[in-house]
N, C-alpha and C. Protein backbone atom coordinates (compact mmCIF):
# COMPACT_ATOMS: atom_id res chain seq x y z
N MET A 1 -67.04 37.04 -65.04
CA MET A 1 -66.66 36.96 -66.44
C MET A 1 -66.87 38.30 -67.15
N ILE A 2 -68.05 38.91 -66.92
CA ILE A 2 -68.36 40.20 -67.53
C ILE A 2 -67.40 41.27 -67.04
N THR A 3 -67.11 41.22 -65.74
CA THR A 3 -66.17 42.21 -65.17
C THR A 3 -64.79 42.06 -65.79
N ARG A 4 -64.36 40.82 -66.00
CA ARG A 4 -63.04 40.58 -66.60
C ARG A 4 -62.98 41.14 -68.02
N ILE A 5 -64.07 40.93 -68.78
CA ILE A 5 -64.13 41.44 -70.15
C ILE A 5 -64.08 42.97 -70.15
N LYS A 6 -64.84 43.60 -69.23
CA LYS A 6 -64.85 45.05 -69.15
C LYS A 6 -63.46 45.59 -68.80
N ASN A 7 -62.78 44.90 -67.88
CA ASN A 7 -61.44 45.33 -67.49
C ASN A 7 -60.45 45.19 -68.65
N THR A 8 -60.63 44.13 -69.46
CA THR A 8 -59.75 43.93 -70.61
C THR A 8 -59.94 45.05 -71.63
N PHE A 9 -61.21 45.38 -71.93
CA PHE A 9 -61.49 46.46 -72.86
C PHE A 9 -60.96 47.79 -72.34
N SER A 10 -61.08 47.99 -71.03
CA SER A 10 -60.59 49.23 -70.42
C SER A 10 -59.08 49.35 -70.57
N THR A 11 -58.38 48.23 -70.38
CA THR A 11 -56.93 48.22 -70.52
C THR A 11 -56.52 48.53 -71.96
N PHE A 12 -57.21 47.90 -72.94
CA PHE A 12 -56.91 48.17 -74.35
C PHE A 12 -57.16 49.63 -74.70
N PHE A 13 -58.26 50.19 -74.16
CA PHE A 13 -58.58 51.59 -74.42
C PHE A 13 -57.46 52.49 -73.91
N ARG A 14 -56.95 52.18 -72.74
CA ARG A 14 -55.89 53.00 -72.16
C ARG A 14 -54.59 52.86 -72.95
N LEU A 15 -54.30 51.67 -73.41
CA LEU A 15 -53.08 51.47 -74.20
C LEU A 15 -53.14 52.26 -75.50
N PHE A 16 -54.31 52.33 -76.11
CA PHE A 16 -54.47 53.10 -77.34
C PHE A 16 -54.41 54.61 -77.08
N ASN A 17 -54.63 55.00 -75.81
CA ASN A 17 -54.60 56.43 -75.45
C ASN A 17 -53.37 56.77 -74.62
N LEU A 18 -52.29 56.04 -74.85
CA LEU A 18 -51.08 56.22 -74.06
C LEU A 18 -50.55 57.65 -74.14
N LYS A 19 -50.65 58.28 -75.32
CA LYS A 19 -50.15 59.64 -75.48
C LYS A 19 -50.96 60.65 -74.67
N ASN A 20 -52.22 60.31 -74.39
CA ASN A 20 -53.09 61.22 -73.64
C ASN A 20 -53.23 60.79 -72.18
N ARG A 21 -52.26 60.05 -71.69
CA ARG A 21 -52.44 59.47 -70.35
C ARG A 21 -52.54 60.52 -69.24
N GLN A 22 -51.86 61.67 -69.40
CA GLN A 22 -51.95 62.70 -68.36
C GLN A 22 -53.40 63.18 -68.21
N LYS A 23 -54.07 63.34 -69.33
CA LYS A 23 -55.47 63.77 -69.30
C LYS A 23 -56.37 62.70 -68.69
N VAL A 24 -56.12 61.43 -69.07
CA VAL A 24 -56.91 60.32 -68.53
C VAL A 24 -56.67 60.17 -67.03
N LEU A 25 -55.42 60.28 -66.61
CA LEU A 25 -55.08 60.13 -65.20
C LEU A 25 -55.67 61.25 -64.34
N TRP A 26 -55.64 62.47 -64.86
CA TRP A 26 -56.22 63.59 -64.13
C TRP A 26 -57.72 63.36 -63.93
N SER A 27 -58.40 62.84 -64.95
CA SER A 27 -59.83 62.51 -64.82
C SER A 27 -60.03 61.40 -63.80
N ASP A 28 -59.16 60.40 -63.81
CA ASP A 28 -59.26 59.29 -62.85
C ASP A 28 -59.09 59.80 -61.42
N LEU A 29 -58.11 60.69 -61.22
CA LEU A 29 -57.85 61.20 -59.88
C LEU A 29 -59.04 62.00 -59.36
N LYS A 30 -59.59 62.85 -60.21
CA LYS A 30 -60.77 63.64 -59.81
C LYS A 30 -61.94 62.73 -59.50
N LYS A 31 -62.15 61.71 -60.32
CA LYS A 31 -63.27 60.78 -60.11
C LYS A 31 -63.11 60.04 -58.79
N TYR A 32 -61.87 59.68 -58.46
CA TYR A 32 -61.61 58.98 -57.20
C TYR A 32 -62.10 59.81 -56.02
N PHE A 33 -61.79 61.10 -56.01
CA PHE A 33 -62.20 61.94 -54.89
C PHE A 33 -63.68 62.29 -54.94
N VAL A 34 -64.21 62.50 -56.14
CA VAL A 34 -65.64 62.79 -56.27
C VAL A 34 -66.47 61.62 -55.75
N ASP A 35 -66.03 60.40 -56.02
CA ASP A 35 -66.76 59.20 -55.59
C ASP A 35 -66.54 58.87 -54.12
N SER A 36 -65.55 59.51 -53.50
CA SER A 36 -65.25 59.24 -52.08
C SER A 36 -66.08 60.18 -51.20
N ASP A 37 -66.01 59.93 -49.89
CA ASP A 37 -66.67 60.85 -48.95
C ASP A 37 -65.63 61.68 -48.20
N LEU A 38 -64.47 61.86 -48.84
CA LEU A 38 -63.40 62.65 -48.25
C LEU A 38 -63.60 64.13 -48.56
N HIS A 39 -63.01 64.98 -47.72
CA HIS A 39 -63.05 66.42 -47.94
C HIS A 39 -61.82 66.82 -48.75
N TYR A 40 -62.03 67.52 -49.83
CA TYR A 40 -60.93 67.82 -50.74
C TYR A 40 -61.23 69.09 -51.52
N GLY A 41 -60.21 69.58 -52.19
CA GLY A 41 -60.36 70.70 -53.11
C GLY A 41 -59.65 70.37 -54.41
N ILE A 42 -60.29 70.62 -55.54
CA ILE A 42 -59.70 70.39 -56.85
C ILE A 42 -59.18 71.72 -57.41
N PHE A 43 -57.90 71.77 -57.70
CA PHE A 43 -57.29 72.98 -58.25
C PHE A 43 -57.01 72.71 -59.72
N GLU A 44 -57.97 73.06 -60.55
CA GLU A 44 -57.96 72.66 -61.96
C GLU A 44 -56.81 73.30 -62.72
N SER A 45 -56.56 74.58 -62.51
CA SER A 45 -55.52 75.26 -63.28
C SER A 45 -54.12 74.73 -62.95
N GLU A 46 -53.86 74.41 -61.68
CA GLU A 46 -52.55 73.86 -61.30
C GLU A 46 -52.51 72.34 -61.39
N ARG A 47 -53.68 71.74 -61.60
CA ARG A 47 -53.80 70.28 -61.75
C ARG A 47 -53.30 69.51 -60.53
N TYR A 48 -53.83 69.85 -59.37
CA TYR A 48 -53.59 69.02 -58.20
C TYR A 48 -54.83 69.00 -57.33
N ILE A 49 -54.90 68.00 -56.48
CA ILE A 49 -56.01 67.87 -55.53
C ILE A 49 -55.43 67.92 -54.13
N GLU A 50 -56.06 68.68 -53.26
CA GLU A 50 -55.60 68.85 -51.89
C GLU A 50 -56.67 68.34 -50.94
N ALA A 51 -56.24 67.56 -49.96
CA ALA A 51 -57.18 67.02 -48.97
C ALA A 51 -56.59 67.21 -47.58
N LYS A 52 -57.47 67.29 -46.60
CA LYS A 52 -57.02 67.41 -45.22
C LYS A 52 -57.53 66.20 -44.45
N TYR A 53 -56.59 65.44 -43.85
CA TYR A 53 -56.95 64.21 -43.13
C TYR A 53 -56.62 64.35 -41.64
N SER A 54 -57.42 63.69 -40.85
CA SER A 54 -57.11 63.56 -39.43
C SER A 54 -55.95 62.57 -39.29
N ILE A 55 -55.03 62.87 -38.37
CA ILE A 55 -53.89 61.97 -38.18
C ILE A 55 -53.84 61.42 -36.75
N ASP A 56 -54.93 61.59 -36.00
CA ASP A 56 -54.99 61.01 -34.66
C ASP A 56 -56.41 60.50 -34.38
N ASP A 57 -56.53 59.69 -33.33
CA ASP A 57 -57.81 59.05 -33.02
C ASP A 57 -58.87 60.03 -32.55
N THR A 58 -58.45 61.17 -32.02
CA THR A 58 -59.42 62.13 -31.49
C THR A 58 -59.82 63.18 -32.53
N HIS A 59 -59.26 63.08 -33.73
CA HIS A 59 -59.55 64.03 -34.81
C HIS A 59 -59.28 65.48 -34.39
N SER A 60 -58.18 65.64 -33.65
CA SER A 60 -57.82 66.97 -33.18
C SER A 60 -56.61 67.53 -33.92
N GLU A 61 -55.94 66.67 -34.69
CA GLU A 61 -54.75 67.11 -35.42
C GLU A 61 -54.91 66.68 -36.88
N PHE A 62 -54.58 67.60 -37.79
CA PHE A 62 -54.77 67.34 -39.22
C PHE A 62 -53.51 67.71 -40.01
N ARG A 63 -53.40 67.13 -41.19
CA ARG A 63 -52.34 67.50 -42.11
C ARG A 63 -52.92 67.65 -43.51
N VAL A 64 -52.26 68.50 -44.31
CA VAL A 64 -52.68 68.73 -45.69
C VAL A 64 -51.90 67.79 -46.62
N TYR A 65 -52.65 67.09 -47.47
CA TYR A 65 -52.07 66.16 -48.45
C TYR A 65 -52.38 66.67 -49.85
N ARG A 66 -51.43 66.48 -50.75
CA ARG A 66 -51.59 66.97 -52.12
C ARG A 66 -51.25 65.85 -53.11
N TYR A 67 -52.03 65.77 -54.19
CA TYR A 67 -51.86 64.70 -55.17
C TYR A 67 -51.83 65.28 -56.59
N PHE A 68 -50.88 64.81 -57.39
CA PHE A 68 -50.80 65.28 -58.77
C PHE A 68 -49.94 64.32 -59.60
N PHE A 69 -50.03 64.50 -60.92
CA PHE A 69 -49.19 63.73 -61.84
C PHE A 69 -48.15 64.67 -62.42
N ASP A 70 -46.88 64.34 -62.18
CA ASP A 70 -45.77 65.20 -62.59
C ASP A 70 -45.46 64.99 -64.07
N LYS A 71 -45.57 66.05 -64.86
CA LYS A 71 -45.34 65.95 -66.31
C LYS A 71 -43.88 65.71 -66.65
N GLU A 72 -42.98 66.16 -65.79
CA GLU A 72 -41.55 66.02 -66.08
C GLU A 72 -41.02 64.64 -65.72
N THR A 73 -41.37 64.14 -64.53
CA THR A 73 -40.86 62.83 -64.10
C THR A 73 -41.79 61.69 -64.48
N LEU A 74 -43.03 62.03 -64.93
CA LEU A 74 -44.04 61.02 -65.28
C LEU A 74 -44.36 60.11 -64.10
N ASN A 75 -44.45 60.74 -62.92
CA ASN A 75 -44.78 60.01 -61.70
C ASN A 75 -46.10 60.49 -61.11
N PHE A 76 -46.74 59.60 -60.38
CA PHE A 76 -47.88 59.97 -59.54
C PHE A 76 -47.30 60.37 -58.20
N VAL A 77 -47.53 61.61 -57.80
CA VAL A 77 -46.90 62.16 -56.60
C VAL A 77 -47.94 62.41 -55.51
N SER A 78 -47.64 61.90 -54.32
CA SER A 78 -48.43 62.20 -53.12
C SER A 78 -47.53 62.98 -52.19
N LEU A 79 -48.00 64.11 -51.72
CA LEU A 79 -47.18 65.01 -50.91
C LEU A 79 -47.93 65.36 -49.63
N VAL A 80 -47.20 65.34 -48.51
CA VAL A 80 -47.80 65.76 -47.24
C VAL A 80 -46.87 66.77 -46.57
N PHE A 81 -47.47 67.81 -46.00
CA PHE A 81 -46.71 68.80 -45.23
C PHE A 81 -46.68 68.33 -43.78
N ILE A 82 -45.52 67.84 -43.35
CA ILE A 82 -45.39 67.24 -42.01
C ILE A 82 -45.33 68.30 -40.93
N HIS A 83 -44.46 69.26 -41.11
CA HIS A 83 -44.35 70.39 -40.15
C HIS A 83 -43.97 71.65 -40.91
N GLN A 84 -44.54 72.75 -40.49
CA GLN A 84 -44.19 74.05 -41.05
C GLN A 84 -43.86 75.01 -39.91
N ASP A 85 -42.87 75.88 -40.16
CA ASP A 85 -42.43 76.86 -39.15
C ASP A 85 -41.89 76.20 -37.90
N TYR A 86 -41.08 75.16 -38.07
CA TYR A 86 -40.47 74.55 -36.88
C TYR A 86 -39.36 75.45 -36.34
N ASP A 87 -38.95 75.21 -35.11
CA ASP A 87 -37.91 76.00 -34.46
C ASP A 87 -36.59 75.80 -35.23
N GLN A 88 -36.02 76.88 -35.71
CA GLN A 88 -34.81 76.81 -36.53
C GLN A 88 -33.65 76.17 -35.78
N ASP A 89 -33.64 76.28 -34.47
CA ASP A 89 -32.57 75.68 -33.67
C ASP A 89 -32.59 74.15 -33.76
N LYS A 90 -33.70 73.60 -34.23
CA LYS A 90 -33.84 72.15 -34.34
C LYS A 90 -33.40 71.61 -35.71
N THR A 91 -32.89 72.48 -36.56
CA THR A 91 -32.61 72.09 -37.94
C THR A 91 -31.67 70.89 -38.04
N THR A 92 -30.61 70.87 -37.24
CA THR A 92 -29.65 69.75 -37.30
C THR A 92 -30.33 68.43 -36.97
N ASP A 93 -31.13 68.40 -35.89
CA ASP A 93 -31.84 67.19 -35.51
C ASP A 93 -32.89 66.80 -36.55
N VAL A 94 -33.50 67.81 -37.17
CA VAL A 94 -34.48 67.54 -38.23
C VAL A 94 -33.81 66.81 -39.38
N PHE A 95 -32.61 67.24 -39.76
CA PHE A 95 -31.89 66.59 -40.85
C PHE A 95 -31.45 65.17 -40.45
N ILE A 96 -31.10 64.98 -39.20
CA ILE A 96 -30.70 63.64 -38.73
C ILE A 96 -31.88 62.67 -38.86
N LEU A 97 -33.03 63.10 -38.37
CA LEU A 97 -34.21 62.24 -38.43
C LEU A 97 -34.67 62.03 -39.87
N SER A 98 -34.58 63.07 -40.68
CA SER A 98 -34.96 62.95 -42.10
C SER A 98 -34.07 61.95 -42.82
N SER A 99 -32.77 62.00 -42.53
CA SER A 99 -31.83 61.08 -43.18
C SER A 99 -32.15 59.64 -42.81
N HIS A 100 -32.55 59.42 -41.57
CA HIS A 100 -32.91 58.06 -41.15
C HIS A 100 -34.08 57.55 -41.98
N PHE A 101 -35.12 58.37 -42.13
CA PHE A 101 -36.28 57.95 -42.90
C PHE A 101 -35.93 57.77 -44.38
N ASN A 102 -35.09 58.63 -44.91
CA ASN A 102 -34.73 58.52 -46.33
C ASN A 102 -33.95 57.24 -46.62
N ASN A 103 -33.26 56.71 -45.61
CA ASN A 103 -32.57 55.44 -45.78
C ASN A 103 -33.54 54.26 -45.77
N LEU A 104 -34.73 54.47 -45.21
CA LEU A 104 -35.70 53.39 -45.08
C LEU A 104 -36.79 53.40 -46.16
N LEU A 105 -37.17 54.60 -46.60
CA LEU A 105 -38.29 54.71 -47.52
C LEU A 105 -37.94 54.17 -48.90
N LYS A 106 -38.85 53.36 -49.45
CA LYS A 106 -38.63 52.75 -50.76
C LYS A 106 -39.10 53.66 -51.89
N TYR A 107 -40.28 54.24 -51.73
CA TYR A 107 -40.84 55.08 -52.79
C TYR A 107 -40.93 56.55 -52.40
N GLY A 108 -40.58 56.88 -51.19
CA GLY A 108 -40.75 58.25 -50.73
C GLY A 108 -39.44 58.91 -50.35
N VAL A 109 -39.52 60.21 -50.15
CA VAL A 109 -38.37 60.97 -49.70
C VAL A 109 -38.84 62.11 -48.80
N VAL A 110 -38.12 62.31 -47.70
CA VAL A 110 -38.41 63.43 -46.80
C VAL A 110 -37.57 64.61 -47.25
N ARG A 111 -38.22 65.75 -47.45
CA ARG A 111 -37.53 66.96 -47.89
C ARG A 111 -37.62 68.01 -46.79
N VAL A 112 -36.51 68.67 -46.54
CA VAL A 112 -36.44 69.72 -45.52
C VAL A 112 -36.01 71.02 -46.17
N SER A 113 -36.77 72.08 -45.91
CA SER A 113 -36.40 73.41 -46.37
C SER A 113 -36.01 74.24 -45.15
N PRO A 114 -34.72 74.39 -44.86
CA PRO A 114 -34.31 75.16 -43.69
C PRO A 114 -34.65 76.63 -43.79
N ASP A 115 -34.80 77.14 -45.02
CA ASP A 115 -35.13 78.56 -45.20
C ASP A 115 -36.55 78.87 -44.72
N THR A 116 -37.48 77.95 -44.99
CA THR A 116 -38.87 78.16 -44.57
C THR A 116 -39.24 77.30 -43.36
N CYS A 117 -38.25 76.52 -42.87
CA CYS A 117 -38.50 75.63 -41.72
C CYS A 117 -39.70 74.72 -41.98
N THR A 118 -39.67 74.07 -43.14
CA THR A 118 -40.76 73.19 -43.56
C THR A 118 -40.24 71.79 -43.80
N ILE A 119 -41.01 70.80 -43.34
CA ILE A 119 -40.70 69.39 -43.59
C ILE A 119 -41.87 68.80 -44.38
N MET A 120 -41.54 68.12 -45.47
CA MET A 120 -42.59 67.46 -46.25
C MET A 120 -42.10 66.09 -46.69
N MET A 121 -43.04 65.26 -47.09
CA MET A 121 -42.67 63.94 -47.59
C MET A 121 -43.39 63.68 -48.90
N GLU A 122 -42.59 63.34 -49.92
CA GLU A 122 -43.14 62.97 -51.23
C GLU A 122 -43.10 61.46 -51.37
N TYR A 123 -44.19 60.92 -51.90
CA TYR A 123 -44.29 59.49 -52.16
C TYR A 123 -44.59 59.36 -53.64
N THR A 124 -43.69 58.73 -54.40
CA THR A 124 -43.84 58.72 -55.85
C THR A 124 -43.84 57.30 -56.40
N ASN A 125 -44.51 57.15 -57.54
CA ASN A 125 -44.53 55.89 -58.28
C ASN A 125 -44.78 56.21 -59.74
N SER A 126 -44.39 55.35 -60.63
CA SER A 126 -44.60 55.57 -62.05
C SER A 126 -46.08 55.74 -62.35
N GLU A 127 -46.42 56.73 -63.17
CA GLU A 127 -47.81 56.97 -63.52
C GLU A 127 -48.40 55.85 -64.40
N LEU A 128 -47.54 54.99 -64.94
CA LEU A 128 -48.04 53.89 -65.76
C LEU A 128 -48.87 52.91 -64.94
N LEU A 129 -48.53 52.74 -63.66
CA LEU A 129 -49.30 51.82 -62.81
C LEU A 129 -50.75 52.25 -62.67
N PRO A 130 -51.04 53.48 -62.21
CA PRO A 130 -52.44 53.89 -62.13
C PRO A 130 -53.10 54.07 -63.50
N PHE A 131 -52.28 54.29 -64.53
CA PHE A 131 -52.85 54.42 -65.88
C PHE A 131 -53.42 53.09 -66.35
N LEU A 132 -52.68 52.02 -66.13
CA LEU A 132 -53.14 50.70 -66.56
C LEU A 132 -54.07 50.06 -65.54
N PHE A 133 -53.88 50.40 -64.26
CA PHE A 133 -54.70 49.81 -63.19
C PHE A 133 -55.19 50.94 -62.29
N PRO A 134 -56.35 51.53 -62.61
CA PRO A 134 -56.85 52.70 -61.86
C PRO A 134 -56.95 52.48 -60.35
N GLY A 135 -57.09 51.24 -59.90
CA GLY A 135 -57.15 50.97 -58.46
C GLY A 135 -55.88 51.34 -57.74
N GLU A 136 -54.79 51.51 -58.49
CA GLU A 136 -53.51 51.88 -57.87
C GLU A 136 -53.54 53.29 -57.29
N ILE A 137 -54.46 54.11 -57.74
CA ILE A 137 -54.59 55.45 -57.16
C ILE A 137 -54.93 55.33 -55.68
N HIS A 138 -55.93 54.50 -55.39
CA HIS A 138 -56.31 54.28 -53.98
C HIS A 138 -55.16 53.66 -53.20
N SER A 139 -54.48 52.68 -53.81
CA SER A 139 -53.39 51.99 -53.12
C SER A 139 -52.28 52.95 -52.72
N GLN A 140 -51.92 53.87 -53.64
CA GLN A 140 -50.84 54.81 -53.32
C GLN A 140 -51.28 55.83 -52.29
N ILE A 141 -52.50 56.34 -52.41
CA ILE A 141 -52.99 57.32 -51.45
C ILE A 141 -52.99 56.71 -50.05
N LEU A 142 -53.43 55.47 -49.93
CA LEU A 142 -53.47 54.81 -48.63
C LEU A 142 -52.07 54.53 -48.10
N ALA A 143 -51.19 54.01 -48.97
CA ALA A 143 -49.82 53.71 -48.55
C ALA A 143 -49.11 54.98 -48.08
N HIS A 144 -49.28 56.06 -48.82
CA HIS A 144 -48.67 57.34 -48.45
C HIS A 144 -49.19 57.83 -47.10
N TYR A 145 -50.50 57.73 -46.90
CA TYR A 145 -51.10 58.17 -45.64
C TYR A 145 -50.53 57.37 -44.46
N ASN A 146 -50.46 56.04 -44.62
CA ASN A 146 -49.98 55.19 -43.52
C ASN A 146 -48.52 55.47 -43.20
N VAL A 147 -47.69 55.68 -44.23
CA VAL A 147 -46.29 56.01 -43.99
C VAL A 147 -46.17 57.37 -43.31
N SER A 148 -47.01 58.31 -43.73
CA SER A 148 -46.92 59.67 -43.18
C SER A 148 -47.21 59.69 -41.68
N LEU A 149 -48.04 58.77 -41.19
CA LEU A 149 -48.36 58.74 -39.77
C LEU A 149 -47.10 58.52 -38.92
N ASP A 150 -46.21 57.64 -39.38
CA ASP A 150 -44.96 57.40 -38.66
C ASP A 150 -44.08 58.64 -38.66
N LEU A 151 -44.00 59.31 -39.80
CA LEU A 151 -43.16 60.50 -39.89
C LEU A 151 -43.70 61.63 -39.01
N ILE A 152 -45.00 61.83 -39.04
CA ILE A 152 -45.60 62.89 -38.23
C ILE A 152 -45.39 62.59 -36.75
N TRP A 153 -45.60 61.33 -36.37
CA TRP A 153 -45.39 60.92 -34.97
C TRP A 153 -43.95 61.20 -34.56
N ALA A 154 -42.99 60.82 -35.41
CA ALA A 154 -41.57 60.98 -35.07
C ALA A 154 -41.18 62.45 -34.96
N PHE A 155 -41.61 63.25 -35.92
CA PHE A 155 -41.23 64.67 -35.87
C PHE A 155 -41.97 65.42 -34.76
N ASN A 156 -43.15 64.96 -34.38
CA ASN A 156 -43.81 65.53 -33.20
C ASN A 156 -42.99 65.27 -31.95
N LYS A 157 -42.45 64.05 -31.85
CA LYS A 157 -41.60 63.72 -30.72
C LYS A 157 -40.37 64.63 -30.66
N LEU A 158 -39.83 64.93 -31.83
CA LEU A 158 -38.63 65.78 -31.89
C LEU A 158 -38.95 67.24 -31.62
N LEU A 159 -39.96 67.77 -32.31
CA LEU A 159 -40.20 69.21 -32.31
C LEU A 159 -41.11 69.68 -31.18
N ILE A 160 -41.97 68.81 -30.70
CA ILE A 160 -42.90 69.20 -29.64
C ILE A 160 -42.46 68.69 -28.28
N GLU A 161 -42.03 67.40 -28.25
CA GLU A 161 -41.64 66.80 -26.97
C GLU A 161 -40.14 66.87 -26.72
N ASP A 162 -39.39 67.40 -27.69
CA ASP A 162 -37.95 67.65 -27.53
C ASP A 162 -37.15 66.38 -27.22
N GLN A 163 -37.51 65.28 -27.88
CA GLN A 163 -36.79 64.04 -27.68
C GLN A 163 -35.61 63.93 -28.64
N ASP A 164 -34.64 63.14 -28.25
CA ASP A 164 -33.44 62.94 -29.07
C ASP A 164 -33.77 62.00 -30.24
N PRO A 165 -33.25 62.28 -31.45
CA PRO A 165 -33.53 61.43 -32.61
C PRO A 165 -33.22 59.95 -32.39
N VAL A 166 -32.16 59.66 -31.66
CA VAL A 166 -31.79 58.27 -31.40
C VAL A 166 -32.90 57.53 -30.66
N PHE A 167 -33.45 58.17 -29.64
CA PHE A 167 -34.52 57.53 -28.86
C PHE A 167 -35.82 57.45 -29.67
N ILE A 168 -36.04 58.44 -30.52
CA ILE A 168 -37.23 58.43 -31.37
C ILE A 168 -37.20 57.23 -32.31
N ILE A 169 -36.04 56.99 -32.92
CA ILE A 169 -35.88 55.87 -33.84
C ILE A 169 -36.09 54.54 -33.11
N ALA A 170 -35.55 54.43 -31.90
CA ALA A 170 -35.73 53.20 -31.10
C ALA A 170 -37.19 53.00 -30.74
N ASP A 171 -37.87 54.07 -30.34
CA ASP A 171 -39.29 53.97 -29.98
C ASP A 171 -40.14 53.62 -31.20
N LEU A 172 -39.74 54.13 -32.36
CA LEU A 172 -40.48 53.83 -33.58
C LEU A 172 -40.41 52.35 -33.92
N GLN A 173 -39.23 51.76 -33.70
CA GLN A 173 -39.09 50.33 -33.95
C GLN A 173 -39.99 49.52 -33.02
N LYS A 174 -40.06 49.94 -31.74
CA LYS A 174 -40.96 49.26 -30.79
C LYS A 174 -42.41 49.42 -31.23
N LYS A 175 -42.74 50.61 -31.73
CA LYS A 175 -44.09 50.90 -32.20
C LYS A 175 -44.47 49.96 -33.34
N HIS A 176 -43.53 49.75 -34.25
CA HIS A 176 -43.77 48.85 -35.38
C HIS A 176 -44.00 47.42 -34.89
N ASP A 177 -43.18 46.99 -33.93
CA ASP A 177 -43.30 45.63 -33.42
C ASP A 177 -44.65 45.40 -32.75
N GLU A 178 -45.14 46.42 -32.03
CA GLU A 178 -46.40 46.28 -31.29
C GLU A 178 -47.62 46.22 -32.19
N ARG A 179 -47.54 46.84 -33.37
CA ARG A 179 -48.72 46.92 -34.22
C ARG A 179 -48.70 45.96 -35.41
N ARG A 180 -47.75 45.06 -35.44
CA ARG A 180 -47.65 44.14 -36.56
C ARG A 180 -48.92 43.34 -36.79
N GLU A 181 -49.62 43.02 -35.71
CA GLU A 181 -50.83 42.22 -35.84
C GLU A 181 -52.06 43.07 -36.10
N LYS A 182 -51.92 44.38 -36.02
CA LYS A 182 -53.08 45.25 -36.21
C LYS A 182 -53.31 45.51 -37.69
N VAL A 183 -54.57 45.74 -38.06
CA VAL A 183 -54.94 46.01 -39.44
C VAL A 183 -54.89 47.51 -39.68
N LEU A 184 -54.19 47.92 -40.73
CA LEU A 184 -54.13 49.34 -41.07
C LEU A 184 -55.45 49.78 -41.67
N PRO A 185 -55.82 51.06 -41.55
CA PRO A 185 -57.09 51.54 -42.10
C PRO A 185 -57.15 51.40 -43.61
N SER A 186 -58.35 51.20 -44.14
CA SER A 186 -58.52 51.00 -45.58
C SER A 186 -58.71 52.31 -46.33
N THR A 187 -58.85 53.40 -45.61
CA THR A 187 -58.97 54.71 -46.26
C THR A 187 -58.58 55.79 -45.25
N PRO A 188 -58.03 56.90 -45.70
CA PRO A 188 -57.72 57.99 -44.77
C PRO A 188 -59.00 58.47 -44.09
N PRO A 189 -58.94 58.82 -42.80
CA PRO A 189 -60.13 59.28 -42.11
C PRO A 189 -60.57 60.66 -42.57
N LYS A 190 -61.87 60.90 -42.51
CA LYS A 190 -62.40 62.22 -42.87
C LYS A 190 -62.04 63.23 -41.80
N ASN A 191 -61.85 64.48 -42.21
CA ASN A 191 -61.67 65.53 -41.24
C ASN A 191 -63.03 66.03 -40.78
N GLN A 192 -63.06 66.66 -39.65
CA GLN A 192 -64.32 67.11 -39.08
C GLN A 192 -64.87 68.35 -39.77
N GLU A 193 -63.97 69.17 -40.31
CA GLU A 193 -64.40 70.39 -40.99
C GLU A 193 -63.72 70.45 -42.34
N ASP A 194 -64.43 70.95 -43.32
CA ASP A 194 -63.87 71.09 -44.65
C ASP A 194 -63.34 72.49 -44.84
N ASN A 195 -62.04 72.66 -44.59
CA ASN A 195 -61.43 73.97 -44.71
C ASN A 195 -60.53 74.05 -45.94
N THR A 196 -60.62 73.03 -46.81
CA THR A 196 -59.77 73.01 -47.98
C THR A 196 -60.37 73.83 -49.09
N GLY A 197 -59.53 74.68 -49.70
CA GLY A 197 -60.02 75.55 -50.76
C GLY A 197 -60.09 74.84 -52.09
N SER A 198 -60.56 75.53 -53.09
CA SER A 198 -60.65 74.98 -54.43
C SER A 198 -60.81 76.13 -55.41
N ASP A 199 -60.26 75.92 -56.62
CA ASP A 199 -60.44 76.95 -57.62
C ASP A 199 -61.40 76.50 -58.71
N SER A 200 -62.11 75.38 -58.45
CA SER A 200 -63.04 74.86 -59.44
C SER A 200 -64.46 74.98 -58.95
């Protein structure tokens, strides 16, 4: 009962501070990471947080994830760098695989920069959700991480193991079928070393 009352007052407070929601959300995002045991860097002047997560069971491979609230689109954005400096000869296949994922993703989009040979994935949602329900910050970070694992796995198959996009897509479907009964992790895993910078 007390918790419900506190949550109601918190919601009213946020509604009265709707014009200042970017400031409130930035504080919420920082608090989320400060209260966690994850390795991260807070970049106060650019207003984003960067974290490095392990993406395999042996903690031998990592990716950089970035989180921020976009002032122009009014979205909460989660960004991951899937591959950088890939072989330029693979660009056509990279676009084929990216298009497949873009047809499937509900809240995210895979972006390819052929000039820098970089693949990234943005996962976006309206900032009003985490503004009214702060727990949505954790939900989006986790959902983005879990989706990113499939993309990283698929592009590794393409760029490292030189597999055809058609077979990668078929294998991914089998992978989904096999793990339907498995429970996804409740939080991104910690990295073994904290190599993330910070300007704060």
